[in-house]
C-alpha atoms as a PDB file:
ATOM      1  CA  MET A   1       0.200  -0.001   0.183  1.00  0.00           C
ATOM      2  CA  ASP A   2       1.328   3.525  -0.953  1.00  0.00           C
ATOM      3  CA  ASN A   3       2.078   6.079   1.838  1.00  0.00           C
ATOM      4  CA  VAL A   4       1.353   9.812   1.214  1.00  0.00           C
ATOM      5  CA  SER A   5       1.823  12.386   3.397  1.00  0.00           C
ATOM      6  CA  GLY A   6       1.834  16.128   2.905  1.00  0.00           C
ATOM      7  CA  LYS A   7       3.096  19.119   4.952  1.00  0.00           C
ATOM      8  CA  LEU A   8       2.548  22.792   5.254  1.00  0.00           C
ATOM      9  CA  THR A   9       5.197  24.995   6.063  1.00  0.00           C
ATOM     10  CA  VAL A  10       3.818  28.817   6.732  1.00  0.00           C
ATOM     11  CA  PHE A  11       6.917  31.306   6.688  1.00  0.00           C
ATOM     12  CA  PHE A  12       7.675  35.581   6.237  1.00  0.00           C
ATOM     13  CA  GLU A  13       9.344  36.086   2.975  1.00  0.00           C
ATOM     14  CA  GLU A  14       9.929  39.746   2.667  1.00  0.00           C
ATOM     15  CA  PRO A  15       6.865  41.523   2.393  1.00  0.00           C
ATOM     16  CA  PHE A  16       4.057  38.624   2.590  1.00  0.00           C
ATOM     17  CA  TRP A  17       3.342  35.344   4.408  1.00  0.00           C
ATOM     18  CA  VAL A  18       4.114  32.175   2.310  1.00  0.00           C
ATOM     19  CA  GLY A  19       3.056  28.665   2.396  1.00  0.00           C
ATOM     20  CA  VAL A  20       5.070  25.910   1.039  1.00  0.00           C
ATOM     21  CA  PHE A  21       2.398  22.715   0.577  1.00  0.00           C
ATOM     22  CA  GLU A  22       5.185  19.141  -0.116  1.00  0.00           C
ATOM     23  CA  CYS A  23       3.335  16.005  -1.138  1.00  0.00           C
ATOM     24  CA  ILE A  24       5.558  12.763  -0.494  1.00  0.00           C
ATOM     25  CA  SER A  25       3.860   9.921  -2.801  1.00  0.00           C
ATOM     26  CA  GLU A  26       5.687   7.326  -3.778  1.00  0.00           C
ATOM     27  CA  GLY A  27       9.041   8.329  -2.942  1.00  0.00           C
ATOM     28  CA  LYS A  28       8.735  11.797  -5.073  1.00  0.00           C
ATOM     29  CA  LEU A  29       8.291  15.053  -3.731  1.00  0.00           C
ATOM     30  CA  SER A  30       5.793  17.778  -5.400  1.00  0.00           C
ATOM     31  CA  VAL A  31       5.589  21.401  -3.904  1.00  0.00           C
ATOM     32  CA  CYS A  32       3.578  23.949  -4.253  1.00  0.00           C
ATOM     33  CA  LYS A  33       4.247  27.512  -2.766  1.00  0.00           C
ATOM     34  CA  VAL A  34       1.114  30.064  -2.164  1.00  0.00           C
ATOM     35  CA  THR A  35       1.307  33.568  -1.020  1.00  0.00           C
ATOM     36  CA  PHE A  36      -0.856  34.390   1.676  1.00  0.00           C
ATOM     37  CA  GLY A  37      -0.559  38.139   2.541  1.00  0.00           C
ATOM     38  CA  THR A  38      -1.145  39.106   5.740  1.00  0.00           C
ATOM     39  CA  GLU A  39      -0.268  36.512   8.684  1.00  0.00           C
ATOM     40  CA  PRO A  40      -2.626  33.688   8.649  1.00  0.00           C
ATOM     41  CA  LYS A  41      -4.408  32.350  11.586  1.00  0.00           C
ATOM     42  CA  ASP A  42      -4.810  28.639  12.152  1.00  0.00           C
ATOM     43  CA  TYR A  43      -8.246  28.490  11.108  1.00  0.00           C
ATOM     44  CA  GLN A  44      -7.733  30.496   8.092  1.00  0.00           C
ATOM     45  CA  ILE A  45      -5.021  27.936   6.839  1.00  0.00           C
ATOM     46  CA  TYR A  46      -7.233  24.901   7.797  1.00  0.00           C
ATOM     47  CA  ASP A  47     -10.160  26.951   5.561  1.00  0.00           C
ATOM     48  CA  PHE A  48      -7.899  27.756   2.854  1.00  0.00           C
ATOM     49  CA  ILE A  49      -6.784  23.949   2.653  1.00  0.00           C
ATOM     50  CA  LYS A  50     -10.498  22.918   2.831  1.00  0.00           C
ATOM     51  CA  LYS A  51     -11.567  24.983   0.127  1.00  0.00           C
ATOM     52  CA  ASN A  52      -8.902  25.610  -2.143  1.00  0.00           C
ATOM     53  CA  TYR A  53      -6.473  22.351  -1.773  1.00  0.00           C
ATOM     54  CA  TYR A  54      -7.495  20.343  -4.743  1.00  0.00           C
ATOM     55  CA  GLN A  55      -7.039  23.475  -7.126  1.00  0.00           C
ATOM     56  CA  LEU A  56      -3.310  24.000  -5.991  1.00  0.00           C
ATOM     57  CA  ARG A  57      -0.713  23.724  -8.956  1.00  0.00           C
ATOM     58  CA  PHE A  58       1.879  21.073  -7.662  1.00  0.00           C
ATOM     59  CA  SER A  59       5.444  21.121  -9.168  1.00  0.00           C
ATOM     60  CA  PRO A  60       6.339  18.169 -10.886  1.00  0.00           C
ATOM     61  CA  SER A  61       8.028  15.393  -8.883  1.00  0.00           C
ATOM     62  CA  VAL A  62      11.340  15.229  -7.622  1.00  0.00           C
ATOM     63  CA  VAL A  63      13.103  11.990  -6.366  1.00  0.00           C
ATOM     64  CA  THR A  64      13.312  12.313  -2.597  1.00  0.00           C
ATOM     65  CA  ASN A  65      14.330   9.942   0.658  1.00  0.00           C
ATOM     66  CA  VAL A  66      11.194   9.049   2.345  1.00  0.00           C
ATOM     67  CA  LYS A  67      12.559   9.009   6.002  1.00  0.00           C
ATOM     68  CA  LYS A  68      10.425   6.957   8.222  1.00  0.00           C
ATOM     69  CA  THR A  69       8.960   9.223  11.025  1.00  0.00           C
ATOM     70  CA  GLY A  70       9.102   8.146  14.961  1.00  0.00           C
ATOM     71  CA  ARG A  71       5.790   8.045  16.859  1.00  0.00           C
ATOM     72  CA  ASN A  72       7.630   9.740  20.143  1.00  0.00           C
ATOM     73  CA  PRO A  73       5.567  13.133  20.937  1.00  0.00           C
ATOM     74  CA  LYS A  74       8.452  14.978  21.924  1.00  0.00           C
ATOM     75  CA  ARG A  75      11.134  13.730  19.308  1.00  0.00           C
ATOM     76  CA  ILE A  76       8.113  15.218  16.827  1.00  0.00           C
ATOM     77  CA  GLN A  77       8.046  18.172  19.129  1.00  0.00           C
ATOM     78  CA  ARG A  78      11.584  19.002  19.381  1.00  0.00           C
ATOM     79  CA  GLU A  79      11.755  18.432  15.012  1.00  0.00           C
ATOM     80  CA  VAL A  80       8.998  20.963  15.032  1.00  0.00           C
ATOM     81  CA  HIS A  81      10.616  23.377  16.515  1.00  0.00           C
ATOM     82  CA  LYS A  82      13.841  23.412  14.766  1.00  0.00           C
ATOM     83  CA  GLN A  83      11.578  23.542  11.938  1.00  0.00           C
ATOM     84  CA  VAL A  84      10.156  26.615  13.089  1.00  0.00           C
ATOM     85  CA  GLU A  85      13.497  28.119  13.694  1.00  0.00           C
ATOM     86  CA  SER A  86      14.939  27.288  10.855  1.00  0.00           C
ATOM     87  CA  ILE A  87      15.085  30.054   7.926  1.00  0.00           C
ATOM     88  CA  GLY A  88      13.431  29.284   4.208  1.00  0.00           C
ATOM     89  CA  VAL A  89      12.543  26.023   2.701  1.00  0.00           C
ATOM     90  CA  GLY A  90      14.542  22.374   2.625  1.00  0.00           C
ATOM     91  CA  THR A  91      16.646  22.386  -0.495  1.00  0.00           C
ATOM     92  CA  LYS A  92      14.540  19.559  -2.206  1.00  0.00           C
ATOM     93  CA  SER A  93      11.332  21.782  -2.175  1.00  0.00           C
ATOM     94  CA  GLN A  94      13.085  24.906  -3.645  1.00  0.00           C
ATOM     95  CA  GLN A  95      14.421  22.261  -6.414  1.00  0.00           C
ATOM     96  CA  ALA A  96      10.888  21.426  -7.021  1.00  0.00           C
ATOM     97  CA  LEU A  97       9.408  24.988  -6.864  1.00  0.00           C
ATOM     98  CA  LYS A  98      12.212  26.389  -9.304  1.00  0.00           C
ATOM     99  CA  LEU A  99      11.484  23.289 -11.578  1.00  0.00           C
ATOM    100  CA  GLN A 100       7.571  24.590 -11.419  1.00  0.00           C
ATOM    101  CA  HIS A 101       8.610  28.117 -12.310  1.00  0.00           C
ATOM    102  CA  GLU A 102      10.749  27.181 -15.232  1.00  0.00           C
ATOM    103  CA  GLN A 103       7.978  24.979 -16.203  1.00  0.00           C
ATOM    104  CA  MET A 104       5.260  27.685 -16.312  1.00  0.00           C
ATOM    105  CA  LYS A 105       7.968  29.864 -17.560  1.00  0.00           C
ATOM    106  CA  THR A 106       8.462  28.199 -20.719  1.00  0.00           C
ATOM    107  CA  GLU A 107       4.625  27.937 -21.145  1.00  0.00           C
ATOM    108  CA  ARG A 108       4.153  31.438 -20.625  1.00  0.00           C
ATOM    109  CA  LYS A 109       6.573  32.184 -23.238  1.00  0.00           C
ATOM    110  CA  MET A 110       4.809  29.639 -25.902  1.00  0.00           C
ATOM    111  CA  THR A 111       1.692  30.915 -25.238  1.00  0.00           C
ATOM    112  CA  SER A 112       3.004  35.001 -25.323  1.00  0.00           C
ATOM    113  CA  ARG A 113       4.701  34.061 -28.778  1.00  0.00           C
ATOM    114  CA  GLU A 114       2.055  32.698 -30.692  1.00  0.00           C
ATOM    115  CA  GLN A 115      -0.454  35.244 -29.669  1.00  0.00           C
ATOM    116  CA  ARG A 116       2.244  37.457 -31.037  1.00  0.00           C
ATOM    117  CA  GLU A 117       2.320  35.817 -34.536  1.00  0.00           C
ATOM    118  CA  ALA A 118      -1.386  35.201 -34.139  1.00  0.00           C
ATOM    119  CA  GLU A 119      -1.343  39.395 -34.185  1.00  0.00           C
ATOM    120  CA  LYS A 120       1.196  39.389 -36.836  1.00  0.00           C
ATOM    121  CA  GLU A 121      -0.726  37.467 -39.030  1.00  0.00           C
ATOM    122  CA  ARG A 122      -3.682  38.984 -38.886  1.00  0.00           C
ATOM    123  CA  ARG A 123      -2.093  42.553 -39.253  1.00  0.00           C
ATOM    124  CA  PHE A 124      -0.747  41.054 -42.501  1.00  0.00           C
ATOM    125  CA  HIS A 125      -3.797  40.140 -43.930  1.00  0.00           C
ATOM    126  CA  LEU A 126      -5.430  43.283 -43.343  1.00  0.00           C
ATOM    127  CA  LYS A 127      -2.463  44.945 -45.231  1.00  0.00           C
ATOM    128  CA  GLN A 128      -3.156  42.486 -47.911  1.00  0.00           C
ATOM    129  CA  GLN A 129      -7.178  43.566 -48.256  1.00  0.00           C
ATOM    130  CA  LYS A 130      -6.359  46.978 -47.831  1.00  0.00           C
ATOM    131  CA  LYS A 131      -3.931  46.525 -50.944  1.00  0.00           C
ATOM    132  CA  LYS A 132      -6.435  44.304 -52.945  1.00  0.00           C
ATOM    133  CA  GLU A 133      -9.422  47.033 -52.465  1.00  0.00           C
ATOM    134  CA  LYS A 134      -6.564  49.673 -53.522  1.00  0.00           C
ATOM    135  CA  HIS A 135      -6.252  48.244 -57.194  1.00  0.00           C
ATOM    136  CA  ARG A 136      -9.943  47.682 -57.419  1.00  0.00           C
ATOM    137  CA  GLY A 137      -9.889  51.564 -58.729  1.00  0.00           C
ATOM    138  CA  ARG A 138     -11.399  52.600 -55.308  1.00  0.00           C
END
């Protein structure tokens, strides 16, 4: 049976509060970055997850090592404190976000290029039509 785990890290990245959703499934890590704006309260984060989780656009998967987490509550609490004190996001998450950013960038370039070509084509046909009307003797 496949083990899927998810994690949300909220931190302050000048000038906004940012949340990073990490999803580990089948030994692969996918990440999604969300900007909250002002500091979100716990209930606001919970509402956001309930309403918007399935609309989030996760990055392409990156292979990662999956560690078995212990069940000792004191150890879990220590790990949470370490994560709160550490600055930024894990390197695997950063790589996945960078990969998603590059993918979005190439998609944006392709769509803008297609729009630019379509506009150029439209203008060309408009000029050709005007030339034909001039030759008709008008």
